[in-house]
Amino acid sequence: MATTEELFISIAPQIYRQNKSSVLMSQADILQSLKHLQNISVLSRQKNDLKTKFQKLLTSTIAQVNSIQKKIPTPNIPIKISKQEAPKPKIKLAPKPKVVFSKKDKIEEELKLIQNKLQELNA
């Protein structure tokens, strides 16, 4: 049964440093993983935004092509259409500016603190 008395145990300094170092490295690894997960969520959101933007662009382009084709008169001369016509131009979209989150800043600060503690412990 636990009492209100304090219990002190002795641990060798080398073992204490090793255990403390492994705990701090584990915390740093967890924070790195959390940072990567946040980056993945941001990138997936940007990917979805780009997909919707691309879909809108495609639908408007198709609508414009259809309206132009309706206006062009049909020729009386048969036209040969080869399979290798002009190459299709590639659409390049400008990248969005990087968004910085406050959670990310907190994670960075905590990661730096842990790294500083690791350096002090190993020094």
PDB file of N, CA and C in Angstrom:
ATOM      1  N   MET A   1       0.826  -1.170   0.000  1.00  0.00           N
ATOM      2  CA  MET A   1       0.000   0.000   0.000  1.00  0.00           C
ATOM      3  C   MET A   1       0.878   1.243   0.000  1.00  0.00           C
ATOM      4  N   ALA A   2       0.519   2.211  -0.777  1.00  0.00           N
ATOM      5  CA  ALA A   2       1.299   3.443  -0.865  1.00  0.00           C
ATOM      6  C   ALA A   2       0.961   4.357   0.310  1.00  0.00           C
ATOM      7  N   THR A   3       1.976   4.954   0.871  1.00  0.00           N
ATOM      8  CA  THR A   3       1.766   5.899   1.967  1.00  0.00           C
ATOM      9  C   THR A   3       2.211   7.268   1.518  1.00  0.00           C
ATOM     10  N   THR A   4       2.058   8.233   2.384  1.00  0.00           N
ATOM     11  CA  THR A   4       2.436   9.593   2.044  1.00  0.00           C
ATOM     12  C   THR A   4       3.930   9.821   2.217  1.00  0.00           C
ATOM     13  N   GLU A   5       4.635   8.805   2.703  1.00  0.00           N
ATOM     14  CA  GLU A   5       6.081   8.948   2.861  1.00  0.00           C
ATOM     15  C   GLU A   5       6.753   8.921   1.496  1.00  0.00           C
ATOM     16  N   GLU A   6       7.860   9.620   1.415  1.00  0.00           N
ATOM     17  CA  GLU A   6       8.607   9.658   0.168  1.00  0.00           C
ATOM     18  C   GLU A   6       9.631   8.543   0.157  1.00  0.00           C
ATOM     19  N   LEU A   7       9.832   7.990  -1.037  1.00  0.00           N
ATOM     20  CA  LEU A   7      10.780   6.906  -1.190  1.00  0.00           C
ATOM     21  C   LEU A   7      11.844   7.342  -2.192  1.00  0.00           C
ATOM     22  N   PHE A   8      13.103   7.259  -1.815  1.00  0.00           N
ATOM     23  CA  PHE A   8      14.200   7.663  -2.679  1.00  0.00           C
ATOM     24  C   PHE A   8      14.990   6.421  -3.085  1.00  0.00           C
ATOM     25  N   ILE A   9      15.321   6.356  -4.381  1.00  0.00           N
ATOM     26  CA  ILE A   9      16.156   5.247  -4.843  1.00  0.00           C
ATOM     27  C   ILE A   9      17.375   5.829  -5.551  1.00  0.00           C
ATOM     28  N   SER A  10      18.409   5.040  -5.612  1.00  0.00           N
ATOM     29  CA  SER A  10      19.645   5.497  -6.232  1.00  0.00           C
ATOM     30  C   SER A  10      19.782   4.847  -7.604  1.00  0.00           C
ATOM     31  N   ILE A  11      20.062   5.680  -8.606  1.00  0.00           N
ATOM     32  CA  ILE A  11      20.271   5.200  -9.970  1.00  0.00           C
ATOM     33  C   ILE A  11      21.631   5.689 -10.419  1.00  0.00           C
ATOM     34  N   ALA A  12      22.337   4.820 -11.099  1.00  0.00           N
ATOM     35  CA  ALA A  12      23.664   5.192 -11.591  1.00  0.00           C
ATOM     36  C   ALA A  12      23.517   6.324 -12.602  1.00  0.00           C
ATOM     37  N   PRO A  13      24.424   7.313 -12.575  1.00  0.00           N
ATOM     38  CA  PRO A  13      24.318   8.455 -13.494  1.00  0.00           C
ATOM     39  C   PRO A  13      24.306   8.060 -14.970  1.00  0.00           C
ATOM     40  N   GLN A  14      25.078   7.045 -15.323  1.00  0.00           N
ATOM     41  CA  GLN A  14      25.135   6.615 -16.731  1.00  0.00           C
ATOM     42  C   GLN A  14      23.776   6.055 -17.169  1.00  0.00           C
ATOM     43  N   ILE A  15      23.155   5.248 -16.320  1.00  0.00           N
ATOM     44  CA  ILE A  15      21.832   4.679 -16.652  1.00  0.00           C
ATOM     45  C   ILE A  15      20.792   5.784 -16.718  1.00  0.00           C
ATOM     46  N   TYR A  16      20.873   6.741 -15.779  1.00  0.00           N
ATOM     47  CA  TYR A  16      19.929   7.866 -15.790  1.00  0.00           C
ATOM     48  C   TYR A  16      20.041   8.647 -17.099  1.00  0.00           C
ATOM     49  N   ARG A  17      21.276   8.928 -17.514  1.00  0.00           N
ATOM     50  CA  ARG A  17      21.476   9.683 -18.758  1.00  0.00           C
ATOM     51  C   ARG A  17      20.938   8.922 -19.961  1.00  0.00           C
ATOM     52  N   GLN A  18      21.198   7.619 -20.006  1.00  0.00           N
ATOM     53  CA  GLN A  18      20.712   6.815 -21.122  1.00  0.00           C
ATOM     54  C   GLN A  18      19.180   6.834 -21.181  1.00  0.00           C
ATOM     55  N   ASN A  19      18.553   6.612 -20.050  1.00  0.00           N
ATOM     56  CA  ASN A  19      17.088   6.582 -20.010  1.00  0.00           C
ATOM     57  C   ASN A  19      16.494   7.942 -20.333  1.00  0.00           C
ATOM     58  N   LYS A  20      17.073   8.975 -19.766  1.00  0.00           N
ATOM     59  CA  LYS A  20      16.593  10.334 -20.034  1.00  0.00           C
ATOM     60  C   LYS A  20      16.773  10.671 -21.518  1.00  0.00           C
ATOM     61  N   SER A  21      17.907  10.275 -22.073  1.00  0.00           N
ATOM     62  CA  SER A  21      18.171  10.526 -23.487  1.00  0.00           C
ATOM     63  C   SER A  21      17.181   9.780 -24.375  1.00  0.00           C
ATOM     64  N   SER A  22      16.882   8.532 -24.038  1.00  0.00           N
ATOM     65  CA  SER A  22      15.935   7.765 -24.861  1.00  0.00           C
ATOM     66  C   SER A  22      14.526   8.346 -24.765  1.00  0.00           C
ATOM     67  N   VAL A  23      14.146   8.820 -23.591  1.00  0.00           N
ATOM     68  CA  VAL A  23      12.827   9.443 -23.437  1.00  0.00           C
ATOM     69  C   VAL A  23      12.748  10.723 -24.267  1.00  0.00           C
ATOM     70  N   LEU A  24      13.777  11.544 -24.203  1.00  0.00           N
ATOM     71  CA  LEU A  24      13.777  12.791 -24.966  1.00  0.00           C
ATOM     72  C   LEU A  24      13.806  12.529 -26.467  1.00  0.00           C
ATOM     73  N   MET A  25      14.565  11.512 -26.895  1.00  0.00           N
ATOM     74  CA  MET A  25      14.585  11.183 -28.324  1.00  0.00           C
ATOM     75  C   MET A  25      13.232  10.657 -28.790  1.00  0.00           C
ATOM     76  N   SER A  26      12.563   9.912 -27.931  1.00  0.00           N
ATOM     77  CA  SER A  26      11.226   9.420 -28.283  1.00  0.00           C
ATOM     78  C   SER A  26      10.256  10.587 -28.441  1.00  0.00           C
ATOM     79  N   GLN A  27      10.338  11.549 -27.537  1.00  0.00           N
ATOM     80  CA  GLN A  27       9.485  12.732 -27.649  1.00  0.00           C
ATOM     81  C   GLN A  27       9.775  13.488 -28.943  1.00  0.00           C
ATOM     82  N   ALA A  28      11.059  13.613 -29.275  1.00  0.00           N
ATOM     83  CA  ALA A  28      11.429  14.315 -30.505  1.00  0.00           C
ATOM     84  C   ALA A  28      10.901  13.568 -31.728  1.00  0.00           C
ATOM     85  N   ASP A  29      10.983  12.238 -31.723  1.00  0.00           N
ATOM     86  CA  ASP A  29      10.462  11.445 -32.838  1.00  0.00           C
ATOM     87  C   ASP A  29       8.949  11.600 -32.988  1.00  0.00           C
ATOM     88  N   ILE A  30       8.262  11.618 -31.865  1.00  0.00           N
ATOM     89  CA  ILE A  30       6.803  11.801 -31.907  1.00  0.00           C
ATOM     90  C   ILE A  30       6.456  13.164 -32.476  1.00  0.00           C
ATOM     91  N   LEU A  31       7.192  14.192 -32.060  1.00  0.00           N
ATOM     92  CA  LEU A  31       6.933  15.538 -32.576  1.00  0.00           C
ATOM     93  C   LEU A  31       7.242  15.628 -34.068  1.00  0.00           C
ATOM     94  N   GLN A  32       8.302  14.965 -34.515  1.00  0.00           N
ATOM     95  CA  GLN A  32       8.624  14.944 -35.948  1.00  0.00           C
ATOM     96  C   GLN A  32       7.496  14.269 -36.729  1.00  0.00           C
ATOM     97  N   SER A  33       6.981  13.164 -36.193  1.00  0.00           N
ATOM     98  CA  SER A  33       5.873  12.461 -36.860  1.00  0.00           C
ATOM     99  C   SER A  33       4.638  13.344 -36.923  1.00  0.00           C
ATOM    100  N   LEU A  34       4.367  14.051 -35.844  1.00  0.00           N
ATOM    101  CA  LEU A  34       3.216  14.956 -35.818  1.00  0.00           C
ATOM    102  C   LEU A  34       3.371  16.064 -36.849  1.00  0.00           C
ATOM    103  N   LYS A  35       4.591  16.567 -36.975  1.00  0.00           N
ATOM    104  CA  LYS A  35       4.875  17.607 -37.965  1.00  0.00           C
ATOM    105  C   LYS A  35       4.639  17.075 -39.379  1.00  0.00           C
ATOM    106  N   HIS A  36       5.094  15.852 -39.648  1.00  0.00           N
ATOM    107  CA  HIS A  36       4.894  15.256 -40.966  1.00  0.00           C
ATOM    108  C   HIS A  36       3.410  15.039 -41.256  1.00  0.00           C
ATOM    109  N   LEU A  37       2.657  14.619 -40.243  1.00  0.00           N
ATOM    110  CA  LEU A  37       1.214  14.425 -40.433  1.00  0.00           C
ATOM    111  C   LEU A  37       0.519  15.736 -40.763  1.00  0.00           C
ATOM    112  N   GLN A  38       0.931  16.813 -40.112  1.00  0.00           N
ATOM    113  CA  GLN A  38       0.348  18.116 -40.421  1.00  0.00           C
ATOM    114  C   GLN A  38       0.680  18.527 -41.848  1.00  0.00           C
ATOM    115  N   ASN A  39       1.917  18.276 -42.274  1.00  0.00           N
ATOM    116  CA  ASN A  39       2.295  18.598 -43.650  1.00  0.00           C
ATOM    117  C   ASN A  39       1.478  17.792 -44.645  1.00  0.00           C
ATOM    118  N   ILE A  40       1.237  16.519 -44.329  1.00  0.00           N
ATOM    119  CA  ILE A  40       0.437  15.672 -45.214  1.00  0.00           C
ATOM    120  C   ILE A  40      -0.987  16.194 -45.310  1.00  0.00           C
ATOM    121  N   SER A  41      -1.555  16.618 -44.188  1.00  0.00           N
ATOM    122  CA  SER A  41      -2.929  17.127 -44.230  1.00  0.00           C
ATOM    123  C   SER A  41      -3.013  18.423 -45.035  1.00  0.00           C
ATOM    124  N   VAL A  42      -2.011  19.278 -44.898  1.00  0.00           N
ATOM    125  CA  VAL A  42      -1.986  20.525 -45.672  1.00  0.00           C
ATOM    126  C   VAL A  42      -1.864  20.212 -47.158  1.00  0.00           C
ATOM    127  N   LEU A  43      -0.971  19.283 -47.489  1.00  0.00           N
ATOM    128  CA  LEU A  43      -0.782  18.933 -48.895  1.00  0.00           C
ATOM    129  C   LEU A  43      -2.025  18.272 -49.485  1.00  0.00           C
ATOM    130  N   SER A  44      -2.712  17.452 -48.709  1.00  0.00           N
ATOM    131  CA  SER A  44      -3.917  16.819 -49.242  1.00  0.00           C
ATOM    132  C   SER A  44      -5.018  17.855 -49.458  1.00  0.00           C
ATOM    133  N   ARG A  45      -5.094  18.838 -48.576  1.00  0.00           N
ATOM    134  CA  ARG A  45      -6.079  19.908 -48.756  1.00  0.00           C
ATOM    135  C   ARG A  45      -5.762  20.708 -50.017  1.00  0.00           C
ATOM    136  N   GLN A  46      -4.486  21.017 -50.217  1.00  0.00           N
ATOM    137  CA  GLN A  46      -4.080  21.746 -51.420  1.00  0.00           C
ATOM    138  C   GLN A  46      -4.343  20.913 -52.673  1.00  0.00           C
ATOM    139  N   LYS A  47      -4.119  19.620 -52.577  1.00  0.00           N
ATOM    140  CA  LYS A  47      -4.375  18.734 -53.711  1.00  0.00           C
ATOM    141  C   LYS A  47      -5.855  18.750 -54.080  1.00  0.00           C
ATOM    142  N   ASN A  48      -6.723  18.684 -53.076  1.00  0.00           N
ATOM    143  CA  ASN A  48      -8.167  18.723 -53.344  1.00  0.00           C
ATOM    144  C   ASN A  48      -8.579  20.064 -53.952  1.00  0.00           C
ATOM    145  N   ASP A  49      -7.990  21.146 -53.452  1.00  0.00           N
ATOM    146  CA  ASP A  49      -8.292  22.463 -54.022  1.00  0.00           C
ATOM    147  C   ASP A  49      -7.874  22.526 -55.486  1.00  0.00           C
ATOM    148  N   LEU A  50      -6.692  21.994 -55.782  1.00  0.00           N
ATOM    149  CA  LEU A  50      -6.215  21.993 -57.167  1.00  0.00           C
ATOM    150  C   LEU A  50      -7.083  21.112 -58.051  1.00  0.00           C
ATOM    151  N   LYS A  51      -7.571  20.002 -57.520  1.00  0.00           N
ATOM    152  CA  LYS A  51      -8.452  19.129 -58.307  1.00  0.00           C
ATOM    153  C   LYS A  51      -9.749  19.848 -58.669  1.00  0.00           C
ATOM    154  N   THR A  52     -10.337  20.533 -57.699  1.00  0.00           N
ATOM    155  CA  THR A  52     -11.588  21.248 -57.984  1.00  0.00           C
ATOM    156  C   THR A  52     -11.347  22.392 -58.964  1.00  0.00           C
ATOM    157  N   LYS A  53     -10.236  23.084 -58.789  1.00  0.00           N
ATOM    158  CA  LYS A  53      -9.891  24.172 -59.703  1.00  0.00           C
ATOM    159  C   LYS A  53      -9.698  23.639 -61.124  1.00  0.00           C
ATOM    160  N   PHE A  54      -9.005  22.495 -61.241  1.00  0.00           N
ATOM    161  CA  PHE A  54      -8.767  21.873 -62.534  1.00  0.00           C
ATOM    162  C   PHE A  54     -10.082  21.413 -63.167  1.00  0.00           C
ATOM    163  N   GLN A  55     -10.974  20.850 -62.355  1.00  0.00           N
ATOM    164  CA  GLN A  55     -12.270  20.408 -62.855  1.00  0.00           C
ATOM    165  C   GLN A  55     -13.074  21.596 -63.398  1.00  0.00           C
ATOM    166  N   LYS A  56     -13.079  22.697 -62.678  1.00  0.00           N
ATOM    167  CA  LYS A  56     -13.789  23.894 -63.138  1.00  0.00           C
ATOM    168  C   LYS A  56     -13.181  24.413 -64.440  1.00  0.00           C
ATOM    169  N   LEU A  57     -11.848  24.402 -64.495  1.00  0.00           N
ATOM    170  CA  LEU A  57     -11.163  24.864 -65.692  1.00  0.00           C
ATOM    171  C   LEU A  57     -11.508  23.977 -66.894  1.00  0.00           C
ATOM    172  N   LEU A  58     -11.531  22.684 -66.685  1.00  0.00           N
ATOM    173  CA  LEU A  58     -11.868  21.754 -67.762  1.00  0.00           C
ATOM    174  C   LEU A  58     -13.307  21.945 -68.239  1.00  0.00           C
ATOM    175  N   THR A  59     -14.242  22.075 -67.322  1.00  0.00           N
ATOM    176  CA  THR A  59     -15.641  22.237 -67.721  1.00  0.00           C
ATOM    177  C   THR A  59     -15.843  23.548 -68.480  1.00  0.00           C
ATOM    178  N   SER A  60     -15.186  24.621 -68.034  1.00  0.00           N
ATOM    179  CA  SER A  60     -15.335  25.891 -68.749  1.00  0.00           C
ATOM    180  C   SER A  60     -14.679  25.812 -70.131  1.00  0.00           C
ATOM    181  N   THR A  61     -13.543  25.113 -70.227  1.00  0.00           N
ATOM    182  CA  THR A  61     -12.872  24.952 -71.525  1.00  0.00           C
ATOM    183  C   THR A  61     -13.740  24.135 -72.477  1.00  0.00           C
ATOM    184  N   ILE A  62     -14.322  23.062 -71.987  1.00  0.00           N
ATOM    185  CA  ILE A  62     -15.195  22.235 -72.823  1.00  0.00           C
ATOM    186  C   ILE A  62     -16.412  23.030 -73.282  1.00  0.00           C
ATOM    187  N   ALA A  63     -16.970  23.834 -72.395  1.00  0.00           N
ATOM    188  CA  ALA A  63     -18.122  24.661 -72.759  1.00  0.00           C
ATOM    189  C   ALA A  63     -17.736  25.672 -73.838  1.00  0.00           C
ATOM    190  N   GLN A  64     -16.571  26.275 -73.709  1.00  0.00           N
ATOM    191  CA  GLN A  64     -16.118  27.241 -74.713  1.00  0.00           C
ATOM    192  C   GLN A  64     -15.855  26.565 -76.052  1.00  0.00           C
ATOM    193  N   VAL A  65     -15.257  25.387 -76.028  1.00  0.00           N
ATOM    194  CA  VAL A  65     -15.001  24.652 -77.270  1.00  0.00           C
ATOM    195  C   VAL A  65     -16.318  24.285 -77.943  1.00  0.00           C
ATOM    196  N   ASN A  66     -17.278  23.837 -77.170  1.00  0.00           N
ATOM    197  CA  ASN A  66     -18.583  23.480 -77.731  1.00  0.00           C
ATOM    198  C   ASN A  66     -19.283  24.691 -78.340  1.00  0.00           C
ATOM    199  N   SER A  67     -19.196  25.847 -77.654  1.00  0.00           N
ATOM    200  CA  SER A  67     -19.839  27.044 -78.194  1.00  0.00           C
ATOM    201  C   SER A  67     -19.146  27.511 -79.477  1.00  0.00           C
ATOM    202  N   ILE A  68     -17.827  27.363 -79.536  1.00  0.00           N
ATOM    203  CA  ILE A  68     -17.090  27.733 -80.754  1.00  0.00           C
ATOM    204  C   ILE A  68     -17.447  26.786 -81.892  1.00  0.00           C
ATOM    205  N   GLN A  69     -17.565  25.499 -81.597  1.00  0.00           N
ATOM    206  CA  GLN A  69     -17.913  24.529 -82.635  1.00  0.00           C
ATOM    207  C   GLN A  69     -19.323  24.771 -83.181  1.00  0.00           C
ATOM    208  N   LYS A  70     -20.218  25.254 -82.351  1.00  0.00           N
ATOM    209  CA  LYS A  70     -21.578  25.556 -82.823  1.00  0.00           C
ATOM    210  C   LYS A  70     -21.565  26.750 -83.784  1.00  0.00           C
ATOM    211  N   LYS A  71     -20.648  27.685 -83.558  1.00  0.00           N
ATOM    212  CA  LYS A  71     -20.580  28.891 -84.388  1.00  0.00           C
ATOM    213  C   LYS A  71     -19.875  28.649 -85.720  1.00  0.00           C
ATOM    214  N   ILE A  72     -18.957  27.675 -85.751  1.00  0.00           N
ATOM    215  CA  ILE A  72     -18.193  27.399 -86.972  1.00  0.00           C
ATOM    216  C   ILE A  72     -19.102  26.649 -87.953  1.00  0.00           C
ATOM    217  N   PRO A  73     -19.157  27.110 -89.209  1.00  0.00           N
ATOM    218  CA  PRO A  73     -19.987  26.395 -90.191  1.00  0.00           C
ATOM    219  C   PRO A  73     -19.339  25.061 -90.566  1.00  0.00           C
ATOM    220  N   THR A  74     -20.170  24.093 -90.912  1.00  0.00           N
ATOM    221  CA  THR A  74     -19.633  22.790 -91.307  1.00  0.00           C
ATOM    222  C   THR A  74     -19.167  22.868 -92.755  1.00  0.00           C
ATOM    223  N   PRO A  75     -17.985  22.362 -93.051  1.00  0.00           N
ATOM    224  CA  PRO A  75     -17.459  22.435 -94.413  1.00  0.00           C
ATOM    225  C   PRO A  75     -18.112  21.371 -95.310  1.00  0.00           C
ATOM    226  N   ASN A  76     -18.202  21.686 -96.606  1.00  0.00           N
ATOM    227  CA  ASN A  76     -18.752  20.741 -97.573  1.00  0.00           C
ATOM    228  C   ASN A  76     -17.675  19.788 -98.065  1.00  0.00           C
ATOM    229  N   ILE A  77     -16.415  20.137 -97.851  1.00  0.00           N
ATOM    230  CA  ILE A  77     -15.293  19.327 -98.292  1.00  0.00           C
ATOM    231  C   ILE A  77     -14.935  18.353 -97.171  1.00  0.00           C
ATOM    232  N   PRO A  78     -14.768  17.079 -97.499  1.00  0.00           N
ATOM    233  CA  PRO A  78     -14.362  16.142 -96.436  1.00  0.00           C
ATOM    234  C   PRO A  78     -12.939  16.449 -95.957  1.00  0.00           C
ATOM    235  N   ILE A  79     -12.764  16.364 -94.667  1.00  0.00           N
ATOM    236  CA  ILE A  79     -11.476  16.686 -94.056  1.00  0.00           C
ATOM    237  C   ILE A  79     -10.879  15.414 -93.469  1.00  0.00           C
ATOM    238  N   LYS A  80      -9.616  15.174 -93.787  1.00  0.00           N
ATOM    239  CA  LYS A  80      -8.912  14.038 -93.193  1.00  0.00           C
ATOM    240  C   LYS A  80      -8.311  14.490 -91.864  1.00  0.00           C
ATOM    241  N   ILE A  81      -8.595  13.729 -90.853  1.00  0.00           N
ATOM    242  CA  ILE A  81      -8.039  14.039 -89.543  1.00  0.00           C
ATOM    243  C   ILE A  81      -7.053  12.934 -89.190  1.00  0.00           C
ATOM    244  N   SER A  82      -5.801  13.319 -89.070  1.00  0.00           N
ATOM    245  CA  SER A  82      -4.792  12.328 -88.707  1.00  0.00           C
ATOM    246  C   SER A  82      -4.764  12.174 -87.188  1.00  0.00           C
ATOM    247  N   LYS A  83      -4.286  11.026 -86.757  1.00  0.00           N
ATOM    248  CA  LYS A  83      -4.236  10.756 -85.323  1.00  0.00           C
ATOM    249  C   LYS A  83      -3.151  11.567 -84.630  1.00  0.00           C
ATOM    250  N   GLN A  84      -2.134  11.955 -85.361  1.00  0.00           N
ATOM    251  CA  GLN A  84      -1.039  12.721 -84.767  1.00  0.00           C
ATOM    252  C   GLN A  84      -1.187  14.196 -85.138  1.00  0.00           C
ATOM    253  N   GLU A  85      -2.045  14.859 -84.435  1.00  0.00           N
ATOM    254  CA  GLU A  85      -2.189  16.300 -84.646  1.00  0.00           C
ATOM    255  C   GLU A  85      -1.240  17.018 -83.711  1.00  0.00           C
ATOM    256  N   ALA A  86      -1.422  18.286 -83.598  1.00  0.00           N
ATOM    257  CA  ALA A  86      -0.551  19.103 -82.750  1.00  0.00           C
ATOM    258  C   ALA A  86      -0.602  18.581 -81.316  1.00  0.00           C
ATOM    259  N   PRO A  87       0.553  18.592 -80.618  1.00  0.00           N
ATOM    260  CA  PRO A  87       0.558  18.114 -79.232  1.00  0.00           C
ATOM    261  C   PRO A  87      -0.270  19.032 -78.341  1.00  0.00           C
ATOM    262  N   LYS A  88      -0.902  18.413 -77.375  1.00  0.00           N
ATOM    263  CA  LYS A  88      -1.745  19.174 -76.449  1.00  0.00           C
ATOM    264  C   LYS A  88      -0.857  19.969 -75.498  1.00  0.00           C
ATOM    265  N   PRO A  89      -1.166  21.238 -75.289  1.00  0.00           N
ATOM    266  CA  PRO A  89      -0.355  22.044 -74.358  1.00  0.00           C
ATOM    267  C   PRO A  89      -0.609  21.598 -72.919  1.00  0.00           C
ATOM    268  N   LYS A  90       0.456  21.617 -72.139  1.00  0.00           N
ATOM    269  CA  LYS A  90       0.339  21.247 -70.731  1.00  0.00           C
ATOM    270  C   LYS A  90      -0.023  22.483 -69.923  1.00  0.00           C
ATOM    271  N   ILE A  91      -0.947  22.299 -68.996  1.00  0.00           N
ATOM    272  CA  ILE A  91      -1.406  23.402 -68.164  1.00  0.00           C
ATOM    273  C   ILE A  91      -0.556  23.421 -66.898  1.00  0.00           C
ATOM    274  N   LYS A  92       0.051  24.567 -66.626  1.00  0.00           N
ATOM    275  CA  LYS A  92       0.835  24.726 -65.414  1.00  0.00           C
ATOM    276  C   LYS A  92       0.147  25.748 -64.523  1.00  0.00           C
ATOM    277  N   LEU A  93      -0.145  25.317 -63.301  1.00  0.00           N
ATOM    278  CA  LEU A  93      -0.790  26.201 -62.343  1.00  0.00           C
ATOM    279  C   LEU A  93       0.260  26.778 -61.406  1.00  0.00           C
ATOM    280  N   ALA A  94       0.058  28.019 -61.019  1.00  0.00           N
ATOM    281  CA  ALA A  94       0.995  28.668 -60.105  1.00  0.00           C
ATOM    282  C   ALA A  94       0.820  28.058 -58.711  1.00  0.00           C
ATOM    283  N   PRO A  95       1.916  27.782 -57.995  1.00  0.00           N
ATOM    284  CA  PRO A  95       1.798  27.199 -56.668  1.00  0.00           C
ATOM    285  C   PRO A  95       1.249  28.210 -55.668  1.00  0.00           C
ATOM    286  N   LYS A  96       0.470  27.696 -54.703  1.00  0.00           N
ATOM    287  CA  LYS A  96      -0.078  28.555 -53.652  1.00  0.00           C
ATOM    288  C   LYS A  96       1.014  28.851 -52.625  1.00  0.00           C
ATOM    289  N   PRO A  97       0.937  29.991 -51.975  1.00  0.00           N
ATOM    290  CA  PRO A  97       1.925  30.273 -50.931  1.00  0.00           C
ATOM    291  C   PRO A  97       1.756  29.303 -49.772  1.00  0.00           C
ATOM    292  N   LYS A  98       2.860  28.995 -49.113  1.00  0.00           N
ATOM    293  CA  LYS A  98       2.848  28.044 -48.010  1.00  0.00           C
ATOM    294  C   LYS A  98       2.130  28.652 -46.800  1.00  0.00           C
ATOM    295  N   VAL A  99       1.261  27.856 -46.197  1.00  0.00           N
ATOM    296  CA  VAL A  99       0.483  28.302 -45.053  1.00  0.00           C
ATOM    297  C   VAL A  99       1.191  27.830 -43.784  1.00  0.00           C
ATOM    298  N   VAL A 100       1.363  28.735 -42.826  1.00  0.00           N
ATOM    299  CA  VAL A 100       2.031  28.404 -41.576  1.00  0.00           C
ATOM    300  C   VAL A 100       0.982  28.380 -40.472  1.00  0.00           C
ATOM    301  N   PHE A 101       0.993  27.326 -39.683  1.00  0.00           N
ATOM    302  CA  PHE A 101       0.022  27.159 -38.618  1.00  0.00           C
ATOM    303  C   PHE A 101       0.656  27.427 -37.257  1.00  0.00           C
ATOM    304  N   SER A 102      -0.175  27.840 -36.301  1.00  0.00           N
ATOM    305  CA  SER A 102       0.337  28.102 -34.965  1.00  0.00           C
ATOM    306  C   SER A 102       0.714  26.794 -34.273  1.00  0.00           C
ATOM    307  N   LYS A 103      -0.010  25.694 -34.549  1.00  0.00           N
ATOM    308  CA  LYS A 103       0.339  24.406 -33.962  1.00  0.00           C
ATOM    309  C   LYS A 103       1.735  23.988 -34.403  1.00  0.00           C
ATOM    310  N   LYS A 104       2.033  24.268 -35.660  1.00  0.00           N
ATOM    311  CA  LYS A 104       3.343  23.896 -36.197  1.00  0.00           C
ATOM    312  C   LYS A 104       4.440  24.661 -35.466  1.00  0.00           C
ATOM    313  N   ASP A 105       4.193  25.934 -35.185  1.00  0.00           N
ATOM    314  CA  ASP A 105       5.176  26.732 -34.452  1.00  0.00           C
ATOM    315  C   ASP A 105       5.392  26.169 -33.050  1.00  0.00           C
ATOM    316  N   LYS A 106       4.295  25.764 -32.397  1.00  0.00           N
ATOM    317  CA  LYS A 106       4.422  25.197 -31.054  1.00  0.00           C
ATOM    318  C   LYS A 106       5.223  23.903 -31.086  1.00  0.00           C
ATOM    319  N   ILE A 107       4.983  23.097 -32.098  1.00  0.00           N
ATOM    320  CA  ILE A 107       5.711  21.841 -32.228  1.00  0.00           C
ATOM    321  C   ILE A 107       7.188  22.111 -32.454  1.00  0.00           C
ATOM    322  N   GLU A 108       7.482  23.114 -33.310  1.00  0.00           N
ATOM    323  CA  GLU A 108       8.883  23.472 -33.577  1.00  0.00           C
ATOM    324  C   GLU A 108       9.578  23.913 -32.291  1.00  0.00           C
ATOM    325  N   GLU A 109       8.898  24.740 -31.501  1.00  0.00           N
ATOM    326  CA  GLU A 109       9.496  25.237 -30.257  1.00  0.00           C
ATOM    327  C   GLU A 109       9.751  24.081 -29.289  1.00  0.00           C
ATOM    328  N   GLU A 110       8.763  23.188 -29.159  1.00  0.00           N
ATOM    329  CA  GLU A 110       8.916  22.062 -28.249  1.00  0.00           C
ATOM    330  C   GLU A 110      10.038  21.135 -28.715  1.00  0.00           C
ATOM    331  N   LEU A 111      10.131  20.950 -30.024  1.00  0.00           N
ATOM    332  CA  LEU A 111      11.188  20.115 -30.586  1.00  0.00           C
ATOM    333  C   LEU A 111      12.565  20.725 -30.300  1.00  0.00           C
ATOM    334  N   LYS A 112      12.682  22.039 -30.438  1.00  0.00           N
ATOM    335  CA  LYS A 112      13.951  22.707 -30.144  1.00  0.00           C
ATOM    336  C   LYS A 112      14.322  22.567 -28.661  1.00  0.00           C
ATOM    337  N   LEU A 113      13.310  22.689 -27.774  1.00  0.00           N
ATOM    338  CA  LEU A 113      13.572  22.525 -26.345  1.00  0.00           C
ATOM    339  C   LEU A 113      14.085  21.120 -26.043  1.00  0.00           C
ATOM    340  N   ILE A 114      13.465  20.126 -26.648  1.00  0.00           N
ATOM    341  CA  ILE A 114      13.890  18.748 -26.414  1.00  0.00           C
ATOM    342  C   ILE A 114      15.296  18.530 -26.945  1.00  0.00           C
ATOM    343  N   GLN A 115      15.589  19.081 -28.124  1.00  0.00           N
ATOM    344  CA  GLN A 115      16.931  18.938 -28.679  1.00  0.00           C
ATOM    345  C   GLN A 115      17.971  19.621 -27.804  1.00  0.00           C
ATOM    346  N   ASN A 116      17.620  20.777 -27.232  1.00  0.00           N
ATOM    347  CA  ASN A 116      18.538  21.462 -26.315  1.00  0.00           C
ATOM    348  C   ASN A 116      18.782  20.621 -25.058  1.00  0.00           C
ATOM    349  N   LYS A 117      17.710  20.014 -24.527  1.00  0.00           N
ATOM    350  CA  LYS A 117      17.867  19.162 -23.349  1.00  0.00           C
ATOM    351  C   LYS A 117      18.752  17.977 -23.658  1.00  0.00           C
ATOM    352  N   LEU A 118      18.574  17.407 -24.859  1.00  0.00           N
ATOM    353  CA  LEU A 118      19.420  16.268 -25.268  1.00  0.00           C
ATOM    354  C   LEU A 118      20.889  16.677 -25.344  1.00  0.00           C
ATOM    355  N   GLN A 119      21.147  17.873 -25.901  1.00  0.00           N
ATOM    356  CA  GLN A 119      22.525  18.346 -25.999  1.00  0.00           C
ATOM    357  C   GLN A 119      23.132  18.569 -24.625  1.00  0.00           C
ATOM    358  N   GLU A 120      22.334  19.155 -23.706  1.00  0.00           N
ATOM    359  CA  GLU A 120      22.842  19.385 -22.357  1.00  0.00           C
ATOM    360  C   GLU A 120      23.116  18.061 -21.650  1.00  0.00           C
ATOM    361  N   LEU A 121      22.232  17.092 -21.882  1.00  0.00           N
ATOM    362  CA  LEU A 121      22.380  15.803 -21.209  1.00  0.00           C
ATOM    363  C   LEU A 121      23.603  15.049 -21.736  1.00  0.00           C
ATOM    364  N   ASN A 122      23.861  15.143 -23.021  1.00  0.00           N
ATOM    365  CA  ASN A 122      24.987  14.436 -23.628  1.00  0.00           C
ATOM    366  C   ASN A 122      26.315  15.171 -23.453  1.00  0.00           C
ATOM    367  N   ALA A 123      26.275  16.436 -23.073  1.00  0.00           N
ATOM    368  CA  ALA A 123      27.501  17.208 -22.925  1.00  0.00           C
ATOM    369  C   ALA A 123      28.221  16.920 -21.637  1.00  0.00           C
TER     370      ALA A 123
END
